[in-house]
Amino acid sequence: MKTAKFMLGNSSSGIVESASFNLPVVNIGTRQDGKLKPINVIDTDYDTNSILKAITKCKKYSFLQKI
């Protein structure tokens, strides 16, 4: 995580541990629904367009400054 630009998937490590690294996370799907999510997590649907929009958002300077 220390050298990553962002995380992509539906792993709980994206929800729980990534905030410690100020790492953007694109959380795909509903597997992590119900968990408290920090501001570095962007939830998205399973479709390609939604995922690509979330990836674009997590690389924006303004989003990176928030986290």
Foldseek 3Di string as FASTA:
>chain_A
DLPDQAEEEADCCNFPVVVVNLHAYEHEDCPCPPDDGDLSYDYFYPDPVRSVVSVVVNNDPVSSVVD
